[in-house]
Amino acid sequence: REEIIEHIVRFTGDDPIVSTTGKASRELFEIRKDRHEKD
């Protein structure tokens, strides 16, 4: 799932993302590193 989210983020650019409950949101948070305002 983390690899999938990494690939999604490469294409979202400046678009907002809403992520679901659980580990998906945790993985998205770590993938973004220091840029979380879009999520």
PDB file of all heavy atoms in Angstrom:
ATOM      1  N   ARG A   1       0.839  -1.202   0.000  1.00  0.00           N
ATOM      2  CA  ARG A   1       0.000   0.000   0.000  1.00  0.00           C
ATOM      3  C   ARG A   1       0.877   1.256   0.000  1.00  0.00           C
ATOM      4  O   ARG A   1       0.592   2.237  -0.696  1.00  0.00           O
ATOM      5  CB  ARG A   1      -0.913  -0.025   1.228  1.00  0.00           C
ATOM      6  CG  ARG A   1      -1.847   1.170   1.352  1.00  0.00           C
ATOM      7  CD  ARG A   1      -2.708   1.079   2.609  1.00  0.00           C
ATOM      8  NE  ARG A   1      -1.873   0.817   3.765  1.00  0.00           N
ATOM      9  CZ  ARG A   1      -1.910  -0.334   4.479  1.00  0.00           C
ATOM     10  NH1 ARG A   1      -2.763  -1.292   4.165  1.00  0.00           N
ATOM     11  NH2 ARG A   1      -1.107  -0.524   5.505  1.00  0.00           N
ATOM     12  N   GLU A   2       1.955   1.239   0.755  1.00  0.00           N
ATOM     13  CA  GLU A   2       2.836   2.404   0.820  1.00  0.00           C
ATOM     14  C   GLU A   2       3.462   2.706  -0.542  1.00  0.00           C
ATOM     15  O   GLU A   2       3.547   3.874  -0.957  1.00  0.00           O
ATOM     16  CB  GLU A   2       3.927   2.182   1.863  1.00  0.00           C
ATOM     17  CG  GLU A   2       4.769   3.411   2.127  1.00  0.00           C
ATOM     18  CD  GLU A   2       5.631   3.273   3.365  1.00  0.00           C
ATOM     19  OE1 GLU A   2       5.740   2.158   3.920  1.00  0.00           O
ATOM     20  OE2 GLU A   2       6.204   4.301   3.794  1.00  0.00           O
ATOM     21  N   GLU A   3       3.877   1.670  -1.260  1.00  0.00           N
ATOM     22  CA  GLU A   3       4.429   1.865  -2.602  1.00  0.00           C
ATOM     23  C   GLU A   3       3.383   2.456  -3.536  1.00  0.00           C
ATOM     24  O   GLU A   3       3.681   3.343  -4.340  1.00  0.00           O
ATOM     25  CB  GLU A   3       4.947   0.531  -3.155  1.00  0.00           C
ATOM     26  CG  GLU A   3       5.598   0.630  -4.521  1.00  0.00           C
ATOM     27  CD  GLU A   3       6.042  -0.710  -5.080  1.00  0.00           C
ATOM     28  OE1 GLU A   3       5.751  -1.761  -4.438  1.00  0.00           O
ATOM     29  OE2 GLU A   3       6.655  -0.726  -6.162  1.00  0.00           O
ATOM     30  N   ILE A   4       2.156   1.966  -3.423  1.00  0.00           N
ATOM     31  CA  ILE A   4       1.060   2.491  -4.253  1.00  0.00           C
ATOM     32  C   ILE A   4       0.837   3.969  -3.970  1.00  0.00           C
ATOM     33  O   ILE A   4       0.707   4.790  -4.891  1.00  0.00           O
ATOM     34  CB  ILE A   4      -0.227   1.679  -3.990  1.00  0.00           C
ATOM     35  CG1 ILE A   4      -0.079   0.266  -4.571  1.00  0.00           C
ATOM     36  CG2 ILE A   4      -1.446   2.380  -4.590  1.00  0.00           C
ATOM     37  CD1 ILE A   4      -1.129  -0.708  -4.076  1.00  0.00           C
ATOM     38  N   ILE A   5       0.814   4.333  -2.694  1.00  0.00           N
ATOM     39  CA  ILE A   5       0.583   5.740  -2.332  1.00  0.00           C
ATOM     40  C   ILE A   5       1.735   6.616  -2.821  1.00  0.00           C
ATOM     41  O   ILE A   5       1.513   7.743  -3.296  1.00  0.00           O
ATOM     42  CB  ILE A   5       0.368   5.870  -0.811  1.00  0.00           C
ATOM     43  CG1 ILE A   5      -0.920   5.140  -0.395  1.00  0.00           C
ATOM     44  CG2 ILE A   5       0.284   7.344  -0.402  1.00  0.00           C
ATOM     45  CD1 ILE A   5      -1.135   5.053   1.101  1.00  0.00           C
ATOM     46  N   GLU A   6       2.954   6.116  -2.735  1.00  0.00           N
ATOM     47  CA  GLU A   6       4.107   6.867  -3.263  1.00  0.00           C
ATOM     48  C   GLU A   6       3.919   7.195  -4.744  1.00  0.00           C
ATOM     49  O   GLU A   6       4.186   8.319  -5.184  1.00  0.00           O
ATOM     50  CB  GLU A   6       5.393   6.061  -3.078  1.00  0.00           C
ATOM     51  CG  GLU A   6       5.913   6.041  -1.652  1.00  0.00           C
ATOM     52  CD  GLU A   6       7.142   5.169  -1.505  1.00  0.00           C
ATOM     53  OE1 GLU A   6       7.428   4.375  -2.418  1.00  0.00           O
ATOM     54  OE2 GLU A   6       7.823   5.278  -0.471  1.00  0.00           O
ATOM     55  N   HIS A   7       3.445   6.230  -5.507  1.00  0.00           N
ATOM     56  CA  HIS A   7       3.242   6.455  -6.935  1.00  0.00           C
ATOM     57  C   HIS A   7       2.084   7.417  -7.183  1.00  0.00           C
ATOM     58  O   HIS A   7       2.155   8.252  -8.086  1.00  0.00           O
ATOM     59  CB  HIS A   7       3.005   5.117  -7.646  1.00  0.00           C
ATOM     60  CG  HIS A   7       4.264   4.372  -7.938  1.00  0.00           C
ATOM     61  ND1 HIS A   7       4.790   4.243  -9.209  1.00  0.00           N
ATOM     62  CD2 HIS A   7       5.147   3.737  -7.110  1.00  0.00           C
ATOM     63  CE1 HIS A   7       5.916   3.550  -9.155  1.00  0.00           C
ATOM     64  NE2 HIS A   7       6.151   3.229  -7.893  1.00  0.00           N
ATOM     65  N   ILE A   8       1.030   7.337  -6.392  1.00  0.00           N
ATOM     66  CA  ILE A   8      -0.093   8.268  -6.548  1.00  0.00           C
ATOM     67  C   ILE A   8       0.379   9.701  -6.321  1.00  0.00           C
ATOM     68  O   ILE A   8       0.058  10.613  -7.097  1.00  0.00           O
ATOM     69  CB  ILE A   8      -1.232   7.914  -5.567  1.00  0.00           C
ATOM     70  CG1 ILE A   8      -1.860   6.554  -5.938  1.00  0.00           C
ATOM     71  CG2 ILE A   8      -2.303   9.013  -5.554  1.00  0.00           C
ATOM     72  CD1 ILE A   8      -2.781   5.995  -4.869  1.00  0.00           C
ATOM     73  N   VAL A   9       1.163   9.899  -5.262  1.00  0.00           N
ATOM     74  CA  VAL A   9       1.614  11.242  -4.903  1.00  0.00           C
ATOM     75  C   VAL A   9       2.469  11.868  -6.004  1.00  0.00           C
ATOM     76  O   VAL A   9       2.466  13.088  -6.193  1.00  0.00           O
ATOM     77  CB  VAL A   9       2.369  11.200  -3.552  1.00  0.00           C
ATOM     78  CG1 VAL A   9       3.120  12.501  -3.288  1.00  0.00           C
ATOM     79  CG2 VAL A   9       1.393  10.908  -2.414  1.00  0.00           C
ATOM     80  N   ARG A  10       3.165  11.048  -6.775  1.00  0.00           N
ATOM     81  CA  ARG A  10       3.981  11.574  -7.879  1.00  0.00           C
ATOM     82  C   ARG A  10       3.116  12.260  -8.943  1.00  0.00           C
ATOM     83  O   ARG A  10       3.606  13.095  -9.706  1.00  0.00           O
ATOM     84  CB  ARG A  10       4.769  10.441  -8.531  1.00  0.00           C
ATOM     85  CG  ARG A  10       5.856   9.846  -7.651  1.00  0.00           C
ATOM     86  CD  ARG A  10       6.529   8.674  -8.343  1.00  0.00           C
ATOM     87  NE  ARG A  10       7.342   7.907  -7.426  1.00  0.00           N
ATOM     88  CZ  ARG A  10       7.949   6.754  -7.750  1.00  0.00           C
ATOM     89  NH1 ARG A  10       7.807   6.269  -8.989  1.00  0.00           N
ATOM     90  NH2 ARG A  10       8.670   6.108  -6.855  1.00  0.00           N
ATOM     91  N   PHE A  11       1.829  11.876  -8.998  1.00  0.00           N
ATOM     92  CA  PHE A  11       0.954  12.399 -10.051  1.00  0.00           C
ATOM     93  C   PHE A  11      -0.015  13.472  -9.551  1.00  0.00           C
ATOM     94  O   PHE A  11      -0.661  14.127 -10.366  1.00  0.00           O
ATOM     95  CB  PHE A  11       0.144  11.255 -10.676  1.00  0.00           C
ATOM     96  CG  PHE A  11       0.943  10.371 -11.594  1.00  0.00           C
ATOM     97  CD1 PHE A  11       1.691   9.318 -11.085  1.00  0.00           C
ATOM     98  CD2 PHE A  11       0.959  10.589 -12.972  1.00  0.00           C
ATOM     99  CE1 PHE A  11       2.430   8.489 -11.935  1.00  0.00           C
ATOM    100  CE2 PHE A  11       1.694   9.772 -13.818  1.00  0.00           C
ATOM    101  CZ  PHE A  11       2.442   8.721 -13.295  1.00  0.00           C
ATOM    102  N   THR A  12      -0.136  13.633  -8.242  1.00  0.00           N
ATOM    103  CA  THR A  12      -1.169  14.549  -7.728  1.00  0.00           C
ATOM    104  C   THR A  12      -0.755  16.011  -7.800  1.00  0.00           C
ATOM    105  O   THR A  12      -1.618  16.898  -7.770  1.00  0.00           O
ATOM    106  CB  THR A  12      -1.533  14.196  -6.277  1.00  0.00           C
ATOM    107  OG1 THR A  12      -0.354  14.245  -5.465  1.00  0.00           O
ATOM    108  CG2 THR A  12      -2.167  12.819  -6.201  1.00  0.00           C
ATOM    109  N   GLY A  13       0.549  16.267  -7.875  1.00  0.00           N
ATOM    110  CA  GLY A  13       1.011  17.642  -8.001  1.00  0.00           C
ATOM    111  C   GLY A  13       0.505  18.529  -6.887  1.00  0.00           C
ATOM    112  O   GLY A  13       0.699  18.256  -5.701  1.00  0.00           O
ATOM    113  N   ASP A  14      -0.194  19.605  -7.268  1.00  0.00           N
ATOM    114  CA  ASP A  14      -0.703  20.570  -6.296  1.00  0.00           C
ATOM    115  C   ASP A  14      -2.159  20.292  -5.920  1.00  0.00           C
ATOM    116  O   ASP A  14      -2.828  21.161  -5.365  1.00  0.00           O
ATOM    117  CB  ASP A  14      -0.592  21.987  -6.877  1.00  0.00           C
ATOM    118  CG  ASP A  14       0.232  22.892  -5.978  1.00  0.00           C
ATOM    119  OD1 ASP A  14       0.845  22.383  -5.024  1.00  0.00           O
ATOM    120  OD2 ASP A  14       0.248  24.116  -6.240  1.00  0.00           O
ATOM    121  N   ASP A  15      -2.642  19.102  -6.225  1.00  0.00           N
ATOM    122  CA  ASP A  15      -4.029  18.763  -5.938  1.00  0.00           C
ATOM    123  C   ASP A  15      -4.186  18.317  -4.471  1.00  0.00           C
ATOM    124  O   ASP A  15      -3.286  17.692  -3.905  1.00  0.00           O
ATOM    125  CB  ASP A  15      -4.506  17.608  -6.824  1.00  0.00           C
ATOM    126  CG  ASP A  15      -4.449  17.938  -8.305  1.00  0.00           C
ATOM    127  OD1 ASP A  15      -4.470  19.143  -8.637  1.00  0.00           O
ATOM    128  OD2 ASP A  15      -4.374  16.990  -9.109  1.00  0.00           O
ATOM    129  N   PRO A  16      -5.325  18.601  -3.857  1.00  0.00           N
ATOM    130  CA  PRO A  16      -5.580  18.111  -2.502  1.00  0.00           C
ATOM    131  C   PRO A  16      -5.895  16.610  -2.490  1.00  0.00           C
ATOM    132  O   PRO A  16      -6.469  16.077  -3.448  1.00  0.00           O
ATOM    133  CB  PRO A  16      -6.795  18.927  -2.057  1.00  0.00           C
ATOM    134  CG  PRO A  16      -7.482  19.300  -3.328  1.00  0.00           C
ATOM    135  CD  PRO A  16      -6.412  19.457  -4.360  1.00  0.00           C
ATOM    136  N   ILE A  17      -5.509  15.969  -1.400  1.00  0.00           N
ATOM    137  CA  ILE A  17      -5.788  14.545  -1.200  1.00  0.00           C
ATOM    138  C   ILE A  17      -6.529  14.370   0.120  1.00  0.00           C
ATOM    139  O   ILE A  17      -6.139  14.931   1.147  1.00  0.00           O
ATOM    140  CB  ILE A  17      -4.488  13.709  -1.152  1.00  0.00           C
ATOM    141  CG1 ILE A  17      -3.723  13.779  -2.466  1.00  0.00           C
ATOM    142  CG2 ILE A  17      -4.804  12.241  -0.802  1.00  0.00           C
ATOM    143  CD1 ILE A  17      -2.381  13.045  -2.432  1.00  0.00           C
ATOM    144  N   VAL A  18      -7.587  13.582   0.081  1.00  0.00           N
ATOM    145  CA  VAL A  18      -8.258  13.128   1.302  1.00  0.00           C
ATOM    146  C   VAL A  18      -7.923  11.647   1.466  1.00  0.00           C
ATOM    147  O   VAL A  18      -8.184  10.852   0.559  1.00  0.00           O
ATOM    148  CB  VAL A  18      -9.789  13.320   1.213  1.00  0.00           C
ATOM    149  CG1 VAL A  18     -10.463  12.791   2.482  1.00  0.00           C
ATOM    150  CG2 VAL A  18     -10.130  14.787   0.999  1.00  0.00           C
ATOM    151  N   SER A  19      -7.320  11.287   2.595  1.00  0.00           N
ATOM    152  CA  SER A  19      -6.919   9.891   2.799  1.00  0.00           C
ATOM    153  C   SER A  19      -7.747   9.253   3.899  1.00  0.00           C
ATOM    154  O   SER A  19      -8.200   9.916   4.833  1.00  0.00           O
ATOM    155  CB  SER A  19      -5.429   9.796   3.139  1.00  0.00           C
ATOM    156  OG  SER A  19      -5.127  10.539   4.305  1.00  0.00           O
ATOM    157  N   THR A  20      -7.924   7.953   3.783  1.00  0.00           N
ATOM    158  CA  THR A  20      -8.843   7.227   4.650  1.00  0.00           C
ATOM    159  C   THR A  20      -8.241   6.905   6.019  1.00  0.00           C
ATOM    160  O   THR A  20      -7.037   7.065   6.263  1.00  0.00           O
ATOM    161  CB  THR A  20      -9.302   5.925   3.965  1.00  0.00           C
ATOM    162  OG1 THR A  20     -10.373   5.346   4.717  1.00  0.00           O
ATOM    163  CG2 THR A  20      -8.160   4.921   3.881  1.00  0.00           C
ATOM    164  N   THR A  21      -9.089   6.411   6.887  1.00  0.00           N
ATOM    165  CA  THR A  21      -8.716   6.010   8.238  1.00  0.00           C
ATOM    166  C   THR A  21      -7.664   4.902   8.228  1.00  0.00           C
ATOM    167  O   THR A  21      -7.698   4.023   7.378  1.00  0.00           O
ATOM    168  CB  THR A  21      -9.967   5.477   8.970  1.00  0.00           C
ATOM    169  OG1 THR A  21     -11.020   6.411   8.805  1.00  0.00           O
ATOM    170  CG2 THR A  21      -9.710   5.256  10.438  1.00  0.00           C
ATOM    171  N   GLY A  22      -6.761   4.940   9.181  1.00  0.00           N
ATOM    172  CA  GLY A  22      -5.833   3.825   9.371  1.00  0.00           C
ATOM    173  C   GLY A  22      -4.456   4.079   8.803  1.00  0.00           C
ATOM    174  O   GLY A  22      -3.974   5.210   8.696  1.00  0.00           O
ATOM    175  N   LYS A  23      -3.813   2.992   8.381  1.00  0.00           N
ATOM    176  CA  LYS A  23      -2.408   3.075   7.992  1.00  0.00           C
ATOM    177  C   LYS A  23      -2.187   3.842   6.693  1.00  0.00           C
ATOM    178  O   LYS A  23      -1.102   4.370   6.475  1.00  0.00           O
ATOM    179  CB  LYS A  23      -1.823   1.665   7.900  1.00  0.00           C
ATOM    180  CG  LYS A  23      -1.687   1.005   9.261  1.00  0.00           C
ATOM    181  CD  LYS A  23      -1.079  -0.379   9.198  1.00  0.00           C
ATOM    182  CE  LYS A  23      -0.970  -0.974  10.590  1.00  0.00           C
ATOM    183  NZ  LYS A  23      -0.471  -2.367  10.573  1.00  0.00           N
ATOM    184  N   ALA A  24      -3.184   3.920   5.844  1.00  0.00           N
ATOM    185  CA  ALA A  24      -3.022   4.688   4.600  1.00  0.00           C
ATOM    186  C   ALA A  24      -2.681   6.145   4.902  1.00  0.00           C
ATOM    187  O   ALA A  24      -1.793   6.730   4.275  1.00  0.00           O
ATOM    188  CB  ALA A  24      -4.278   4.597   3.744  1.00  0.00           C
ATOM    189  N   SER A  25      -3.367   6.746   5.870  1.00  0.00           N
ATOM    190  CA  SER A  25      -3.075   8.138   6.231  1.00  0.00           C
ATOM    191  C   SER A  25      -1.703   8.249   6.891  1.00  0.00           C
ATOM    192  O   SER A  25      -0.981   9.237   6.677  1.00  0.00           O
ATOM    193  CB  SER A  25      -4.160   8.687   7.163  1.00  0.00           C
ATOM    194  OG  SER A  25      -5.315   9.051   6.432  1.00  0.00           O
ATOM    195  N   ARG A  26      -1.343   7.269   7.688  1.00  0.00           N
ATOM    196  CA  ARG A  26      -0.020   7.286   8.317  1.00  0.00           C
ATOM    197  C   ARG A  26       1.085   7.196   7.259  1.00  0.00           C
ATOM    198  O   ARG A  26       2.103   7.889   7.345  1.00  0.00           O
ATOM    199  CB  ARG A  26       0.093   6.135   9.320  1.00  0.00           C
ATOM    200  CG  ARG A  26      -0.803   6.310  10.535  1.00  0.00           C
ATOM    201  CD  ARG A  26      -0.950   5.027  11.336  1.00  0.00           C
ATOM    202  NE  ARG A  26       0.324   4.529  11.818  1.00  0.00           N
ATOM    203  CZ  ARG A  26       0.452   3.367  12.477  1.00  0.00           C
ATOM    204  NH1 ARG A  26      -0.624   2.617  12.716  1.00  0.00           N
ATOM    205  NH2 ARG A  26       1.640   2.981  12.896  1.00  0.00           N
ATOM    206  N   GLU A  27       0.858   6.352   6.263  1.00  0.00           N
ATOM    207  CA  GLU A  27       1.851   6.210   5.197  1.00  0.00           C
ATOM    208  C   GLU A  27       1.939   7.481   4.356  1.00  0.00           C
ATOM    209  O   GLU A  27       3.040   7.924   3.992  1.00  0.00           O
ATOM    210  CB  GLU A  27       1.509   4.991   4.340  1.00  0.00           C
ATOM    211  CG  GLU A  27       1.780   3.679   5.077  1.00  0.00           C
ATOM    212  CD  GLU A  27       1.115   2.473   4.455  1.00  0.00           C
ATOM    213  OE1 GLU A  27       0.178   2.635   3.646  1.00  0.00           O
ATOM    214  OE2 GLU A  27       1.519   1.351   4.795  1.00  0.00           O
ATOM    215  N   LEU A  28       0.794   8.078   4.045  1.00  0.00           N
ATOM    216  CA  LEU A  28       0.797   9.323   3.281  1.00  0.00           C
ATOM    217  C   LEU A  28       1.553  10.405   4.041  1.00  0.00           C
ATOM    218  O   LEU A  28       2.340  11.160   3.452  1.00  0.00           O
ATOM    219  CB  LEU A  28      -0.637   9.773   2.992  1.00  0.00           C
ATOM    220  CG  LEU A  28      -0.785  11.109   2.261  1.00  0.00           C
ATOM    221  CD1 LEU A  28      -0.129  11.079   0.886  1.00  0.00           C
ATOM    222  CD2 LEU A  28      -2.266  11.486   2.142  1.00  0.00           C
ATOM    223  N   PHE A  29       1.347  10.492   5.337  1.00  0.00           N
ATOM    224  CA  PHE A  29       2.022  11.501   6.155  1.00  0.00           C
ATOM    225  C   PHE A  29       3.539  11.336   6.073  1.00  0.00           C
ATOM    226  O   PHE A  29       4.280  12.314   5.930  1.00  0.00           O
ATOM    227  CB  PHE A  29       1.555  11.391   7.609  1.00  0.00           C
ATOM    228  CG  PHE A  29       2.064  12.506   8.491  1.00  0.00           C
ATOM    229  CD1 PHE A  29       1.372  13.691   8.590  1.00  0.00           C
ATOM    230  CD2 PHE A  29       3.243  12.361   9.208  1.00  0.00           C
ATOM    231  CE1 PHE A  29       1.842  14.731   9.398  1.00  0.00           C
ATOM    232  CE2 PHE A  29       3.723  13.385  10.014  1.00  0.00           C
ATOM    233  CZ  PHE A  29       3.021  14.576  10.109  1.00  0.00           C
ATOM    234  N   GLU A  30       4.020  10.094   6.144  1.00  0.00           N
ATOM    235  CA  GLU A  30       5.463   9.868   6.090  1.00  0.00           C
ATOM    236  C   GLU A  30       6.020  10.120   4.685  1.00  0.00           C
ATOM    237  O   GLU A  30       7.131  10.634   4.532  1.00  0.00           O
ATOM    238  CB  GLU A  30       5.800   8.449   6.556  1.00  0.00           C
ATOM    239  CG  GLU A  30       5.542   8.239   8.033  1.00  0.00           C
ATOM    240  CD  GLU A  30       6.454   7.210   8.666  1.00  0.00           C
ATOM    241  OE1 GLU A  30       7.143   6.471   7.928  1.00  0.00           O
ATOM    242  OE2 GLU A  30       6.494   7.158   9.905  1.00  0.00           O
ATOM    243  N   ILE A  31       5.255   9.767   3.675  1.00  0.00           N
ATOM    244  CA  ILE A  31       5.703   9.986   2.295  1.00  0.00           C
ATOM    245  C   ILE A  31       5.869  11.482   2.009  1.00  0.00           C
ATOM    246  O   ILE A  31       6.817  11.906   1.342  1.00  0.00           O
ATOM    247  CB  ILE A  31       4.711   9.345   1.302  1.00  0.00           C
ATOM    248  CG1 ILE A  31       4.822   7.813   1.366  1.00  0.00           C
ATOM    249  CG2 ILE A  31       4.941   9.840  -0.122  1.00  0.00           C
ATOM    250  CD1 ILE A  31       3.676   7.081   0.708  1.00  0.00           C
ATOM    251  N   ARG A  32       4.983  12.299   2.529  1.00  0.00           N
ATOM    252  CA  ARG A  32       5.030  13.740   2.289  1.00  0.00           C
ATOM    253  C   ARG A  32       6.211  14.411   2.999  1.00  0.00           C
ATOM    254  O   ARG A  32       6.572  15.534   2.667  1.00  0.00           O
ATOM    255  CB  ARG A  32       3.741  14.388   2.778  1.00  0.00           C
ATOM    256  CG  ARG A  32       2.520  14.087   1.942  1.00  0.00           C
ATOM    257  CD  ARG A  32       2.585  14.738   0.578  1.00  0.00           C
ATOM    258  NE  ARG A  32       1.233  14.937   0.057  1.00  0.00           N
ATOM    259  CZ  ARG A  32       0.961  15.328  -1.167  1.00  0.00           C
ATOM    260  NH1 ARG A  32       1.947  15.557  -2.016  1.00  0.00           N
ATOM    261  NH2 ARG A  32      -0.281  15.483  -1.561  1.00  0.00           N
ATOM    262  N   LYS A  33       6.756  13.777   4.010  1.00  0.00           N
ATOM    263  CA  LYS A  33       7.871  14.307   4.790  1.00  0.00           C
ATOM    264  C   LYS A  33       7.485  15.648   5.416  1.00  0.00           C
ATOM    265  O   LYS A  33       6.780  15.682   6.402  1.00  0.00           O
ATOM    266  CB  LYS A  33       9.139  14.392   3.955  1.00  0.00           C
ATOM    267  CG  LYS A  33       9.570  13.030   3.396  1.00  0.00           C
ATOM    268  CD  LYS A  33      10.920  13.076   2.762  1.00  0.00           C
ATOM    269  CE  LYS A  33      11.259  11.747   2.095  1.00  0.00           C
ATOM    270  NZ  LYS A  33      11.197  10.601   2.978  1.00  0.00           N
ATOM    271  N   ASP A  34       7.904  16.778   4.863  1.00  0.00           N
ATOM    272  CA  ASP A  34       7.655  18.064   5.516  1.00  0.00           C
ATOM    273  C   ASP A  34       6.600  18.903   4.790  1.00  0.00           C
ATOM    274  O   ASP A  34       6.501  20.108   5.000  1.00  0.00           O
ATOM    275  CB  ASP A  34       8.956  18.862   5.629  1.00  0.00           C
ATOM    276  CG  ASP A  34       9.556  19.177   4.256  1.00  0.00           C
ATOM    277  OD1 ASP A  34       9.122  18.550   3.274  1.00  0.00           O
ATOM    278  OD2 ASP A  34      10.452  20.045   4.193  1.00  0.00           O
ATOM    279  N   ARG A  35       5.786  18.290   3.940  1.00  0.00           N
ATOM    280  CA  ARG A  35       4.754  19.026   3.214  1.00  0.00           C
ATOM    281  C   ARG A  35       3.415  18.319   3.385  1.00  0.00           C
ATOM    282  O   ARG A  35       3.070  17.420   2.636  1.00  0.00           O
ATOM    283  CB  ARG A  35       5.105  19.108   1.716  1.00  0.00           C
ATOM    284  CG  ARG A  35       6.406  19.825   1.393  1.00  0.00           C
ATOM    285  CD  ARG A  35       6.321  21.318   1.596  1.00  0.00           C
ATOM    286  NE  ARG A  35       5.310  21.954   0.766  1.00  0.00           N
ATOM    287  CZ  ARG A  35       5.162  23.264   0.672  1.00  0.00           C
ATOM    288  NH1 ARG A  35       5.932  24.076   1.356  1.00  0.00           N
ATOM    289  NH2 ARG A  35       4.228  23.775  -0.096  1.00  0.00           N
ATOM    290  N   HIS A  36       2.637  18.747   4.374  1.00  0.00           N
ATOM    291  CA  HIS A  36       1.405  18.029   4.708  1.00  0.00           C
ATOM    292  C   HIS A  36       0.137  18.836   4.475  1.00  0.00           C
ATOM    293  O   HIS A  36      -0.961  18.310   4.653  1.00  0.00           O
ATOM    294  CB  HIS A  36       1.457  17.590   6.182  1.00  0.00           C
ATOM    295  CG  HIS A  36       2.669  16.792   6.529  1.00  0.00           C
ATOM    296  ND1 HIS A  36       2.916  15.549   5.986  1.00  0.00           N
ATOM    297  CD2 HIS A  36       3.712  17.062   7.341  1.00  0.00           C
ATOM    298  CE1 HIS A  36       4.062  15.084   6.468  1.00  0.00           C
ATOM    299  NE2 HIS A  36       4.567  15.978   7.282  1.00  0.00           N
ATOM    300  N   GLU A  37       0.269  20.099   4.080  1.00  0.00           N
ATOM    301  CA  GLU A  37      -0.913  20.946   4.005  1.00  0.00           C
ATOM    302  C   GLU A  37      -1.872  20.549   2.895  1.00  0.00           C
ATOM    303  O   GLU A  37      -3.043  20.929   2.926  1.00  0.00           O
ATOM    304  CB  GLU A  37      -0.502  22.419   3.845  1.00  0.00           C
ATOM    305  CG  GLU A  37       0.113  22.771   2.499  1.00  0.00           C
ATOM    306  CD  GLU A  37       1.593  22.425   2.395  1.00  0.00           C
ATOM    307  OE1 GLU A  37       2.141  21.869   3.371  1.00  0.00           O
ATOM    308  OE2 GLU A  37       2.184  22.692   1.338  1.00  0.00           O
ATOM    309  N   LYS A  38      -1.413  19.764   1.918  1.00  0.00           N
ATOM    310  CA  LYS A  38      -2.283  19.363   0.807  1.00  0.00           C
ATOM    311  C   LYS A  38      -3.180  18.182   1.165  1.00  0.00           C
ATOM    312  O   LYS A  38      -4.054  17.810   0.374  1.00  0.00           O
ATOM    313  CB  LYS A  38      -1.440  18.979  -0.411  1.00  0.00           C
ATOM    314  CG  LYS A  38      -0.564  20.087  -0.958  1.00  0.00           C
ATOM    315  CD  LYS A  38       0.331  19.556  -2.067  1.00  0.00           C
ATOM    316  CE  LYS A  38       1.348  20.598  -2.495  1.00  0.00           C
ATOM    317  NZ  LYS A  38       2.293  20.069  -3.490  1.00  0.00           N
ATOM    318  N   ASP A  39      -2.951  17.582   2.325  1.00  0.00           N
ATOM    319  CA  ASP A  39      -3.629  16.330   2.667  1.00  0.00           C
ATOM    320  C   ASP A  39      -4.554  16.500   3.855  1.00  0.00           C
ATOM    321  O   ASP A  39      -4.179  17.086   4.880  1.00  0.00           O
ATOM    322  CB  ASP A  39      -2.601  15.246   3.012  1.00  0.00           C
ATOM    323  CG  ASP A  39      -1.529  15.098   1.937  1.00  0.00           C
ATOM    324  OD1 ASP A  39      -1.874  15.238   0.748  1.00  0.00           O
ATOM    325  OD2 ASP A  39      -0.360  14.859   2.296  1.00  0.00           O
TER     326      ASP A  39
END
